[in-house]
């Protein structure tokens, strides 16, 4: 079990990825994202997750630079957007992301959504970036089991990470088991269901018992499920509070109670039907 914000899981290629990080989906480009990234890094975060489509990579890059922390101590993720899928266009999209971030390499680069039929070409481009030493790890996002099975038929390199919507209303048990069996690290986006779970009665009862907030209980449930988690916040006190999950452990009973809240309910699109940008 991770004991601090600096603790890492080892991906199947030996690269160490922090269990906990800051997501910047819907964080506005400019001052808002710069301040969010700086506040996170100042308070011990080393992992920052962005994407081309978030349109805030430049601000993330400024935040990283202004944090004063050496680049090699950080773990930076970005993602190729749907309209850039395909071999050449992915290689180009990677260079564009690097330029915007002002970085020489990324720690993790992901295919943002599977879409219909181009993700294998896109994956070949990620494999090339990886073999050329331009990125330390490669993976996918929003891939269901059947997408992964299809990708693995032709992939030379197995994805190291699959970042998906994951929270107590969408526990993704089958996908989690498949990824664990294949050595693919599952990562949660929208772990608090965009705040919708913070009022849940069961979670609040459990939170009271441990003297923690509802958010802290959910994020702790993530890491005890061996799922990397990247909650978003733009408020420094919330950024600090979200990460204060390493001094308690949920009992097996409480883990099961949270599992029991599953409704297979998404706040984001269904990967099988989402073709925006393709």
Protein backbone atom coordinates (compact mmCIF):
# COMPACT_ATOMS: atom_id res chain seq x y z
CA UNK A 1 0.00 0.00 0.00
CA UNK A 2 1.34 3.46 -0.85
CA UNK A 3 2.42 5.43 2.21
CA UNK A 4 2.91 8.88 0.65
CA UNK A 5 2.35 11.09 -2.38
CA UNK A 6 5.78 10.10 -3.65
CA UNK A 7 5.01 6.37 -3.67
CA UNK A 8 4.92 4.66 -7.04
CA UNK A 9 3.67 1.58 -8.83
CA UNK A 10 6.15 -0.07 -11.19
CA UNK A 11 4.81 -0.35 -14.73
CA UNK A 12 5.57 -3.54 -16.67
CA UNK A 13 8.55 -1.88 -18.38
CA UNK A 14 10.14 -0.97 -15.02
CA UNK A 15 9.16 2.74 -15.05
CA UNK A 16 7.84 4.03 -11.73
CA UNK A 17 4.53 5.92 -11.87
CA UNK A 18 3.11 7.77 -8.85
CA UNK A 19 -0.11 6.31 -7.40
CA UNK A 20 -1.54 9.80 -7.07
CA UNK A 21 -1.49 12.90 -9.24
CA UNK A 22 -3.29 16.02 -10.41
CA UNK A 23 -5.68 15.89 -13.36
CA UNK A 24 -6.29 19.16 -15.24
CA UNK A 25 -9.36 18.31 -17.34
CA UNK A 26 -11.53 21.46 -17.63
CA UNK A 27 -8.91 23.60 -15.89
CA UNK A 28 -8.70 26.84 -17.87
CA UNK A 29 -5.56 27.68 -19.86
CA UNK A 30 -3.56 30.56 -18.39
CA UNK A 31 -3.39 31.58 -14.76
CA UNK A 32 -5.86 28.95 -13.50
CA UNK A 33 -3.94 25.94 -14.77
CA UNK A 34 -0.52 27.47 -14.02
CA UNK A 35 -1.54 28.07 -10.38
CA UNK A 36 -3.16 24.66 -10.04
CA UNK A 37 -0.01 22.86 -11.24
CA UNK A 38 2.27 25.02 -9.06
CA UNK A 39 0.09 24.46 -5.97
CA UNK A 40 0.13 20.70 -6.53
CA UNK A 41 3.90 20.48 -7.04
CA UNK A 42 4.56 22.79 -4.07
CA UNK A 43 2.51 20.43 -1.90
CA UNK A 44 4.36 17.28 -2.92
CA UNK A 45 2.58 16.08 -6.07
CA UNK A 46 4.94 14.76 -8.73
CA UNK A 47 2.41 13.53 -11.31
CA UNK A 48 0.46 15.87 -13.63
CA UNK A 49 -2.02 14.57 -16.22
CA UNK A 50 -3.08 16.67 -19.22
CA UNK A 51 -4.16 16.07 -22.83
CA UNK A 52 -4.05 17.89 -26.16
CA UNK A 53 -7.83 18.35 -26.13
CA UNK A 54 -7.77 20.07 -22.71
CA UNK A 55 -6.07 23.02 -24.46
CA UNK A 56 -4.00 23.81 -21.38
CA UNK A 57 -0.66 22.12 -22.14
CA UNK A 58 1.11 25.49 -22.39
CA UNK A 59 -0.09 26.50 -18.92
CA UNK A 60 0.89 23.10 -17.52
CA UNK A 61 4.37 23.62 -18.98
CA UNK A 62 4.66 27.07 -17.40
CA UNK A 63 3.50 25.68 -14.04
CA UNK A 64 6.14 22.95 -14.24
CA UNK A 65 8.87 25.44 -15.11
CA UNK A 66 7.85 27.94 -12.41
CA UNK A 67 7.61 25.20 -9.76
CA UNK A 68 11.40 25.06 -9.65
CA UNK A 69 11.35 21.25 -9.29
CA UNK A 70 13.77 19.44 -11.63
CA UNK A 71 11.94 17.97 -14.64
CA UNK A 72 13.27 14.46 -13.99
CA UNK A 73 11.59 14.37 -10.57
CA UNK A 74 8.15 14.81 -12.17
CA UNK A 75 5.85 12.42 -14.04
CA UNK A 76 4.01 14.15 -16.91
CA UNK A 77 1.24 12.54 -18.98
CA UNK A 78 -0.50 13.77 -22.13
CA UNK A 79 -2.81 12.17 -24.70
CA UNK A 80 -3.31 12.15 -28.45
CA UNK A 81 -6.76 13.45 -29.44
CA UNK A 82 -9.15 11.56 -31.70
CA UNK A 83 -8.79 13.83 -34.75
CA UNK A 84 -5.00 13.24 -34.68
CA UNK A 85 -5.23 9.45 -34.68
CA UNK A 86 -3.31 7.60 -37.40
CA UNK A 87 0.43 6.98 -37.71
CA UNK A 88 1.97 10.19 -39.08
CA UNK A 89 -0.59 12.48 -37.46
CA UNK A 90 0.10 10.93 -34.03
CA UNK A 91 3.85 11.48 -34.37
CA UNK A 92 3.09 15.09 -35.27
CA UNK A 93 0.61 15.49 -32.38
CA UNK A 94 3.26 14.24 -29.95
CA UNK A 95 5.74 16.89 -31.13
CA UNK A 96 3.04 19.57 -30.83
CA UNK A 97 2.25 18.52 -27.25
CA UNK A 98 5.94 18.52 -26.32
CA UNK A 99 6.40 21.99 -27.80
CA UNK A 100 3.38 23.38 -25.95
CA UNK A 101 4.54 21.83 -22.69
CA UNK A 102 8.09 23.08 -23.28
CA UNK A 103 9.46 19.60 -22.49
CA UNK A 104 11.97 17.27 -24.16
CA UNK A 105 10.05 14.09 -23.37
CA UNK A 106 6.89 12.81 -21.69
CA UNK A 107 6.75 10.15 -19.01
CA UNK A 108 3.49 8.72 -20.36
CA UNK A 109 1.62 9.22 -23.63
CA UNK A 110 -1.86 7.78 -24.11
CA UNK A 111 -4.37 7.21 -26.92
CA UNK A 112 -7.26 9.29 -25.53
CA UNK A 113 -10.20 7.21 -26.90
CA UNK A 114 -10.37 4.02 -28.94
CA UNK A 115 -12.78 5.35 -31.57
CA UNK A 116 -13.59 2.98 -34.40
CA UNK A 117 -10.71 1.78 -36.49
CA UNK A 118 -7.52 3.82 -36.30
CA UNK A 119 -6.17 2.97 -32.87
CA UNK A 120 -3.86 0.22 -34.15
CA UNK A 121 -2.09 2.68 -36.50
CA UNK A 122 -1.96 5.17 -33.65
CA UNK A 123 -0.49 2.50 -31.38
CA UNK A 124 2.27 1.80 -33.96
CA UNK A 125 3.21 5.49 -33.70
CA UNK A 126 3.31 5.26 -29.89
CA UNK A 127 5.52 2.17 -30.16
CA UNK A 128 7.89 4.14 -32.42
CA UNK A 129 8.02 7.08 -29.98
CA UNK A 130 8.76 4.61 -27.19
CA UNK A 131 11.46 2.73 -29.14
CA UNK A 132 13.05 6.05 -30.12
CA UNK A 133 13.29 7.00 -26.43
CA UNK A 134 10.98 10.00 -26.78
CA UNK A 135 8.54 8.79 -24.13
CA UNK A 136 9.19 6.64 -21.07
CA UNK A 137 5.89 4.74 -21.14
CA UNK A 138 2.90 4.38 -23.48
CA UNK A 139 -0.68 3.43 -22.88
CA UNK A 140 -4.33 3.92 -23.69
CA UNK A 141 -7.34 5.63 -22.20
CA UNK A 142 -11.01 4.60 -22.18
CA UNK A 143 -10.28 1.16 -23.65
CA UNK A 144 -12.73 -1.60 -22.74
CA UNK A 145 -11.64 -5.26 -22.53
CA UNK A 146 -12.52 -5.95 -26.18
CA UNK A 147 -10.49 -2.93 -27.37
CA UNK A 148 -7.49 -4.16 -25.39
CA UNK A 149 -7.85 -7.72 -26.71
CA UNK A 150 -7.99 -6.38 -30.27
CA UNK A 151 -4.96 -4.12 -29.74
CA UNK A 152 -2.92 -6.93 -28.14
CA UNK A 153 -3.39 -9.14 -31.25
CA UNK A 154 -0.99 -6.92 -33.22
CA UNK A 155 0.87 -4.86 -30.65
CA UNK A 156 4.62 -5.39 -30.27
CA UNK A 157 4.52 -3.57 -26.95
CA UNK A 158 1.75 -4.05 -24.45
CA UNK A 159 0.17 -0.83 -23.11
CA UNK A 160 1.59 0.04 -19.70
CA UNK A 161 -1.49 1.98 -18.54
CA UNK A 162 -5.24 2.14 -19.25
CA UNK A 163 -6.81 5.34 -17.90
CA UNK A 164 -10.59 5.03 -17.61
CA UNK A 165 -13.60 6.44 -15.81
CA UNK A 166 -13.56 4.64 -12.46
CA UNK A 167 -15.44 5.45 -9.27
CA UNK A 168 -17.85 3.76 -6.82
CA UNK A 169 -20.75 4.03 -9.32
CA UNK A 170 -18.60 2.46 -12.06
CA UNK A 171 -16.33 -0.12 -10.44
CA UNK A 172 -15.23 -1.74 -13.73
CA UNK A 173 -14.49 -5.08 -12.01
CA UNK A 174 -14.04 -7.07 -15.22
CA UNK A 175 -11.76 -4.45 -16.77
CA UNK A 176 -9.71 -4.11 -13.56
CA UNK A 177 -9.23 -7.90 -13.38
CA UNK A 178 -8.26 -8.08 -17.07
CA UNK A 179 -5.71 -5.27 -16.73
CA UNK A 180 -4.23 -6.78 -13.57
CA UNK A 181 -3.91 -10.17 -15.29
CA UNK A 182 -2.20 -8.53 -18.29
CA UNK A 183 0.10 -6.32 -16.20
CA UNK A 184 -1.57 -3.12 -17.45
CA UNK A 185 -1.90 -0.47 -14.72
CA UNK A 186 -5.46 0.87 -14.39
CA UNK A 187 -5.77 4.60 -13.73
CA UNK A 188 -8.93 6.46 -12.68
CA UNK A 189 -10.18 9.66 -14.25
CA UNK A 190 -13.12 11.44 -12.67
CA UNK A 191 -12.60 9.42 -9.46
CA UNK A 192 -15.19 11.54 -7.58
CA UNK A 193 -17.68 11.32 -10.48
CA UNK A 194 -17.23 15.06 -10.99
CA UNK A 195 -18.27 15.65 -7.38
CA UNK A 196 -21.55 13.70 -7.62
CA UNK A 197 -20.40 11.08 -5.10
CA UNK A 198 -19.51 13.54 -2.36
CA UNK A 199 -23.09 13.57 -1.02
CA UNK A 200 -23.46 9.77 -0.95
CA UNK A 201 -24.78 8.60 2.44
CA UNK A 202 -22.75 5.38 2.66
CA UNK A 203 -19.50 7.16 1.76
CA UNK A 204 -20.21 9.91 4.28
CA UNK A 205 -20.93 7.36 7.04
CA UNK A 206 -17.61 5.67 6.29
CA UNK A 207 -15.84 9.05 6.18
CA UNK A 208 -17.17 9.96 9.62
CA UNK A 209 -15.89 6.69 11.05
CA UNK A 210 -12.32 7.41 9.85
CA UNK A 211 -12.43 11.16 10.52
CA UNK A 212 -11.93 11.82 6.79
CA UNK A 213 -13.83 13.57 4.01
CA UNK A 214 -15.98 11.74 1.45
CA UNK A 215 -13.41 12.60 -1.24
CA UNK A 216 -10.56 11.16 0.84
CA UNK A 217 -12.47 7.90 1.37
CA UNK A 218 -13.13 7.50 -2.37
CA UNK A 219 -9.53 8.29 -3.31
CA UNK A 220 -8.28 5.86 -0.67
CA UNK A 221 -10.62 3.20 -2.11
CA UNK A 222 -8.92 3.79 -5.48
CA UNK A 223 -5.40 3.18 -4.23
CA UNK A 224 -6.48 0.16 -2.15
CA UNK A 225 -7.90 -1.26 -5.39
CA UNK A 226 -4.39 -0.73 -6.84
CA UNK A 227 -5.75 1.93 -9.18
CA UNK A 228 -3.74 5.10 -9.87
CA UNK A 229 -5.87 8.19 -9.30
CA UNK A 230 -5.70 11.80 -10.57
CA UNK A 231 -8.38 14.03 -9.01
CA UNK A 232 -8.72 17.54 -10.39
CA UNK A 233 -8.89 20.69 -8.28
CA UNK A 234 -8.04 24.34 -8.75
CA UNK A 235 -8.13 25.21 -5.03
CA UNK A 236 -4.90 24.76 -3.11
CA UNK A 237 -6.63 23.65 0.09
CA UNK A 238 -8.55 20.98 -1.86
CA UNK A 239 -5.38 19.87 -3.67
CA UNK A 240 -3.75 19.35 -0.24
CA UNK A 241 -6.84 17.69 1.24
CA UNK A 242 -7.28 15.26 -1.68
CA UNK A 243 -3.77 13.94 -1.15
CA UNK A 244 -4.21 13.41 2.61
CA UNK A 245 -5.11 9.73 2.20
CA UNK A 246 -1.94 7.95 3.25
CA UNK A 247 -2.46 7.85 7.02
CA UNK A 248 -5.45 5.48 7.16
CA UNK A 249 -6.64 2.24 5.62
CA UNK A 250 -10.20 1.21 4.79
CA UNK A 251 -11.24 -2.15 6.25
CA UNK A 252 -12.22 -5.00 3.92
CA UNK A 253 -15.85 -4.49 5.02
CA UNK A 254 -15.80 -0.81 4.12
CA UNK A 255 -14.12 -1.55 0.78
CA UNK A 256 -16.96 -4.01 0.07
CA UNK A 257 -19.61 -1.47 1.11
CA UNK A 258 -18.16 1.03 -1.38
CA UNK A 259 -17.99 -1.67 -4.08
CA UNK A 260 -21.68 -2.27 -3.40
CA UNK A 261 -22.53 1.23 -4.65
CA UNK A 262 -21.79 0.20 -8.24
CA UNK A 263 -24.51 1.06 -10.79
CA UNK A 264 -22.41 0.75 -13.97
CA UNK A 265 -23.19 4.44 -14.36
CA UNK A 266 -20.96 6.83 -16.31
CA UNK A 267 -20.54 10.58 -16.09
CA UNK A 268 -18.53 10.59 -19.34
CA UNK A 269 -19.20 9.01 -22.75
CA UNK A 270 -19.40 5.27 -23.37
CA UNK A 271 -16.16 4.29 -25.16
CA UNK A 272 -18.08 1.94 -27.48
CA UNK A 273 -20.09 4.81 -28.93
CA UNK A 274 -17.88 7.88 -28.57
CA UNK A 275 -16.55 9.08 -31.94
CA UNK A 276 -16.27 12.83 -31.27
CA UNK A 277 -13.39 14.28 -33.27
CA UNK A 278 -12.89 11.24 -35.49
